[in-house]
């Protein structure tokens, strides 16, 4: 049986995002088009399917590191303010990602039944969410034409 650990994360997130859009499990709020993803950013994201990709990425992250809270997820999705090209003499400063984007996407995943709240610990993936990730991973593995991954099939 194929699990979410058996396929590349990027391919899995893309496939799960497509499934979430098909099922209408997550919908982009009106304000999301104008909102930055963190204080360290200058502009909102330009991807058309940003909301579904972020929700799929959050679902995978919760499944891998459960239980996990919004504050830790903000640190995980945050970025370096100075990056690698600006102000080379100045040390890098990390900023957290937007908590509202993460919290809203997690709440939509909870309503869809893919994530559960563990009281006082954070969020955990539900059996339905684990099944979605594993089933999608199996489909991704079949679609990939990579000989090093055939041993998992």
Protein backbone atom coordinates (compact mmCIF):
# COMPACT_ATOMS: atom_id res chain seq x y z
CA UNK A 1 0.00 0.00 0.00
CA UNK A 2 1.30 3.41 -0.96
CA UNK A 3 1.46 6.16 1.66
CA UNK A 4 2.08 9.87 1.47
CA UNK A 5 5.76 9.29 2.31
CA UNK A 6 6.34 7.21 -0.84
CA UNK A 7 5.90 9.99 -3.40
CA UNK A 8 7.55 13.39 -3.84
CA UNK A 9 5.82 16.08 -1.78
CA UNK A 10 5.49 18.49 -4.68
CA UNK A 11 3.63 15.98 -6.86
CA UNK A 12 1.38 14.90 -3.99
CA UNK A 13 0.46 18.48 -3.08
CA UNK A 14 -0.42 19.28 -6.69
CA UNK A 15 -2.67 16.20 -6.99
CA UNK A 16 -4.37 16.77 -3.61
CA UNK A 17 -5.01 20.41 -4.56
CA UNK A 18 -6.79 19.26 -7.71
CA UNK A 19 -8.94 16.82 -5.71
CA UNK A 20 -9.82 19.48 -3.14
CA UNK A 21 -10.92 21.83 -5.93
CA UNK A 22 -12.99 19.10 -7.60
CA UNK A 23 -14.78 18.28 -4.34
CA UNK A 24 -15.25 21.97 -3.46
CA UNK A 25 -13.78 21.15 -0.06
CA UNK A 26 -11.92 24.47 0.07
CA UNK A 27 -12.98 27.76 -1.45
CA UNK A 28 -10.88 30.88 -1.64
CA UNK A 29 -12.37 33.71 0.45
CA UNK A 30 -12.93 37.07 -1.23
CA UNK A 31 -10.22 38.75 0.81
CA UNK A 32 -7.54 36.19 -0.14
CA UNK A 33 -6.82 37.81 -3.52
CA UNK A 34 -5.63 40.99 -1.82
CA UNK A 35 -3.89 39.55 1.23
CA UNK A 36 -0.15 39.03 1.57
CA UNK A 37 1.01 35.64 2.84
CA UNK A 38 3.12 37.23 5.56
CA UNK A 39 4.56 40.48 6.88
CA UNK A 40 7.80 39.86 5.00
CA UNK A 41 6.08 39.85 1.61
CA UNK A 42 5.38 42.86 -0.59
CA UNK A 43 2.62 41.45 -2.81
CA UNK A 44 -0.12 38.82 -2.63
CA UNK A 45 0.51 35.45 -4.32
CA UNK A 46 0.15 35.35 -8.10
CA UNK A 47 -0.83 31.67 -8.52
CA UNK A 48 -4.37 31.06 -9.72
CA UNK A 49 -4.81 27.99 -7.50
CA UNK A 50 -2.91 29.36 -4.48
CA UNK A 51 -5.65 28.63 -1.95
CA UNK A 52 -6.09 24.98 -2.94
CA UNK A 53 -2.31 24.44 -3.04
CA UNK A 54 -1.86 25.99 0.41
CA UNK A 55 -4.71 23.87 1.81
CA UNK A 56 -3.21 20.70 0.30
CA UNK A 57 0.20 21.62 1.65
CA UNK A 58 -1.28 22.24 5.10
CA UNK A 59 -3.08 18.89 5.01
CA UNK A 60 0.17 17.10 4.19
CA UNK A 61 2.11 19.07 6.83
CA UNK A 62 -0.48 18.25 9.51
CA UNK A 63 -0.35 14.57 8.53
CA UNK A 64 3.44 14.45 8.76
CA UNK A 65 3.94 16.49 11.94
CA UNK A 66 0.71 15.95 13.87
CA UNK A 67 -0.36 17.31 16.29
CA UNK A 68 0.62 20.78 15.15
CA UNK A 69 -0.81 24.21 15.89
CA UNK A 70 -1.24 27.38 13.88
CA UNK A 71 1.72 29.08 15.55
CA UNK A 72 4.17 26.37 14.48
CA UNK A 73 2.67 26.36 11.01
CA UNK A 74 3.21 30.12 10.80
CA UNK A 75 6.89 29.53 11.52
CA UNK A 76 7.09 26.73 8.95
CA UNK A 77 5.49 28.79 6.17
CA UNK A 78 7.28 32.04 7.09
CA UNK A 79 10.23 33.43 5.22
CA UNK A 80 13.43 35.34 5.54
CA UNK A 81 12.89 39.08 5.31
CA UNK A 82 16.25 39.91 3.79
CA UNK A 83 16.41 36.93 1.47
CA UNK A 84 19.67 36.09 -0.21
CA UNK A 85 20.17 39.19 -2.39
CA UNK A 86 19.30 42.24 -0.28
CA UNK A 87 21.51 43.80 2.38
CA UNK A 88 24.20 41.17 2.43
CA UNK A 89 25.93 42.72 5.44
CA UNK A 90 22.83 42.56 7.53
CA UNK A 91 21.87 39.24 9.16
CA UNK A 92 18.72 37.50 8.00
CA UNK A 93 15.54 38.01 9.98
CA UNK A 94 12.74 35.48 9.84
CA UNK A 95 9.10 36.48 9.76
CA UNK A 96 6.04 34.35 10.36
CA UNK A 97 3.45 33.64 7.70
CA UNK A 98 -0.09 34.97 7.88
CA UNK A 99 -2.02 33.20 10.61
CA UNK A 100 -5.38 34.12 9.10
CA UNK A 101 -4.65 32.30 5.84
CA UNK A 102 -3.47 29.18 7.67
CA UNK A 103 -6.31 29.22 10.20
CA UNK A 104 -9.02 29.74 7.57
CA UNK A 105 -7.68 26.96 5.34
CA UNK A 106 -7.50 24.59 8.33
CA UNK A 107 -11.07 25.47 9.30
CA UNK A 108 -12.22 24.64 5.76
CA UNK A 109 -10.37 21.32 5.94
CA UNK A 110 -12.10 20.63 9.29
CA UNK A 111 -15.51 21.32 7.76
CA UNK A 112 -14.66 18.93 4.92
CA UNK A 113 -13.75 16.27 7.51
CA UNK A 114 -10.05 15.96 6.68
CA UNK A 115 -8.62 17.51 9.87
CA UNK A 116 -9.64 17.17 13.52
CA UNK A 117 -8.86 19.35 16.53
CA UNK A 118 -6.88 17.68 19.32
CA UNK A 119 -7.78 19.66 22.44
CA UNK A 120 -4.77 21.51 23.79
CA UNK A 121 -2.38 19.94 21.27
CA UNK A 122 -3.26 21.41 17.88
CA UNK A 123 -4.68 19.71 14.84
CA UNK A 124 -4.45 16.13 13.62
CA UNK A 125 -5.40 14.56 10.33
CA UNK A 126 -8.63 12.57 10.43
CA UNK A 127 -8.97 9.05 8.98
CA UNK A 128 -10.73 10.56 5.94
CA UNK A 129 -7.81 12.95 5.43
CA UNK A 130 -5.26 10.15 5.76
CA UNK A 131 -7.26 8.09 3.25
CA UNK A 132 -7.38 11.03 0.82
CA UNK A 133 -3.61 11.51 1.06
CA UNK A 134 -2.81 7.80 0.68
CA UNK A 135 -5.23 7.24 -2.22
CA UNK A 136 -3.89 10.28 -4.02
CA UNK A 137 -0.32 9.11 -3.37
CA UNK A 138 -1.16 5.78 -5.02
CA UNK A 139 -2.50 7.58 -8.10
CA UNK A 140 0.53 9.87 -8.23
CA UNK A 141 2.86 6.89 -8.01
CA UNK A 142 1.13 5.25 -10.96
CA UNK A 143 1.37 8.47 -12.98
CA UNK A 144 5.06 8.91 -12.28
CA UNK A 145 7.36 7.13 -14.67
CA UNK A 146 10.32 6.83 -12.35
CA UNK A 147 12.08 3.47 -11.93
CA UNK A 148 13.35 4.22 -8.41
CA UNK A 149 9.76 4.48 -7.15
CA UNK A 150 8.47 1.22 -8.70
CA UNK A 151 9.43 -0.81 -5.65
CA UNK A 152 6.60 0.88 -3.70
CA UNK A 153 3.89 -0.07 -6.17
